[in-house]
Protein backbone atom coordinates (compact mmCIF):
# COMPACT_ATOMS: atom_id res chain seq x y z
CA MET A 1 114.59 106.35 102.19
CA ALA A 2 112.74 106.86 105.45
CA LYS A 3 114.44 108.27 108.51
CA LYS A 4 116.10 105.63 110.67
CA SER A 5 114.40 106.98 113.79
CA LEU A 6 110.94 106.40 112.31
CA ILE A 7 111.82 102.87 111.23
CA GLU A 8 113.20 102.06 114.69
CA LYS A 9 110.12 103.55 116.35
CA GLU A 10 107.95 101.32 114.17
CA LYS A 11 109.99 98.27 115.20
CA LYS A 12 109.47 99.12 118.87
CA LYS A 13 105.72 99.44 118.28
CA LYS A 14 105.69 96.05 116.59
CA GLU A 15 107.47 94.43 119.54
CA LEU A 16 105.03 96.10 121.94
CA VAL A 17 102.05 94.80 119.95
CA GLU A 18 103.47 91.27 120.02
CA ARG A 19 104.17 91.46 123.75
CA TYR A 20 100.66 92.58 124.73
CA ASP A 21 98.75 90.62 122.07
CA VAL A 22 97.85 87.65 124.29
CA ILE A 23 96.72 89.88 127.16
CA ARG A 24 94.65 92.08 124.84
CA GLN A 25 92.94 89.08 123.20
CA SER A 26 92.11 87.46 126.55
CA LEU A 27 90.60 90.71 127.88
CA LYS A 28 88.47 91.08 124.76
CA ARG A 29 87.24 87.49 125.12
CA GLN A 30 86.36 88.17 128.75
CA ILE A 31 84.36 91.25 127.75
CA LYS A 32 82.38 89.23 125.21
CA SER A 33 81.68 86.38 127.60
CA SER A 34 80.75 88.40 130.69
CA LEU A 35 77.06 89.09 131.23
CA SER A 36 76.96 91.91 133.76
CA ILE A 37 77.67 95.46 132.75
CA GLN A 38 79.77 96.06 135.87
CA ASP A 39 82.15 93.23 134.90
CA LYS A 40 82.40 94.58 131.37
CA LEU A 41 83.30 98.03 132.69
CA THR A 42 86.05 96.73 134.98
CA ILE A 43 87.54 94.57 132.23
CA SER A 44 87.41 97.45 129.77
CA LYS A 45 89.26 99.62 132.31
CA ARG A 46 91.99 96.99 132.43
CA LEU A 47 92.06 96.97 128.62
CA GLN A 48 92.39 100.76 128.57
CA SER A 49 95.25 100.62 131.06
CA LEU A 50 97.44 98.82 128.48
CA PRO A 51 99.86 101.05 126.55
CA ARG A 52 98.32 102.81 123.57
CA SER A 53 101.06 101.75 121.22
CA SER A 54 100.32 98.11 121.97
CA ALA A 55 97.18 98.27 119.82
CA PRO A 56 97.70 96.73 116.36
CA VAL A 57 95.81 99.64 114.79
CA ARG A 58 98.78 101.88 115.52
CA LEU A 59 101.13 99.90 113.28
CA ARG A 60 102.01 101.28 109.86
CA ASN A 61 102.88 99.17 106.82
CA ARG A 62 106.29 100.12 105.49
CA CYS A 63 108.37 99.07 102.51
CA SER A 64 110.83 96.39 103.61
CA LEU A 65 113.67 97.89 101.54
CA THR A 66 113.22 101.65 101.72
CA GLY A 67 110.91 102.10 104.73
CA ARG A 68 108.45 104.18 102.72
CA PRO A 69 105.13 104.39 104.62
CA ARG A 70 102.77 105.02 101.70
CA SER A 71 101.58 103.05 98.66
CA ASN A 72 102.65 99.62 99.85
CA TYR A 73 101.65 96.32 98.34
CA ARG A 74 100.94 93.93 101.22
CA TYR A 75 101.55 90.82 99.14
CA PHE A 76 105.13 91.86 98.36
CA GLY A 77 105.86 94.12 101.32
CA LEU A 78 107.27 96.70 98.93
CA SER A 79 106.33 100.22 97.89
CA ARG A 80 105.20 100.92 94.35
CA HIS A 81 108.55 102.44 93.34
CA VAL A 82 110.59 99.44 94.40
CA LEU A 83 108.00 97.00 93.04
CA ARG A 84 108.14 98.67 89.63
CA GLU A 85 111.93 98.63 89.52
CA MET A 86 112.10 94.99 90.58
CA ALA A 87 109.43 93.98 88.06
CA HIS A 88 111.36 95.69 85.27
CA THR A 89 114.59 93.90 86.20
CA CYS A 90 112.69 90.55 86.41
CA VAL A 91 113.61 90.00 90.06
CA LEU A 92 110.04 89.17 91.08
CA PRO A 93 108.90 85.82 89.67
CA GLY A 94 105.54 85.85 87.93
CA VAL A 95 105.30 89.63 87.69
CA SER A 96 105.44 91.17 84.26
CA LYS A 97 104.78 94.62 82.93
CA SER A 98 101.35 94.81 81.36
CA SER A 99 101.00 96.24 77.89
CA TRP A 100 97.93 96.72 75.75
């Protein structure tokens, strides 16, 4: 189980990304559409003035049950440990243990 503080910090980052997403996208569109280098520089300065944690790159995928940050399956939103346990107990529909 991950520390509660790290999970809460990740939630705050996610809210920050959602809040600044529209602004960030509009600034990027303006950079692409502008022709002069001077305009591009001023717009990029405005883009850089946004908080660092508002960039979607800073988000980390975590397991929805345990909060584990590594070895996550995006399709399920679970880590490999939880996915394996749930597959063995037949909780996940359509997932079966492979044998050969």
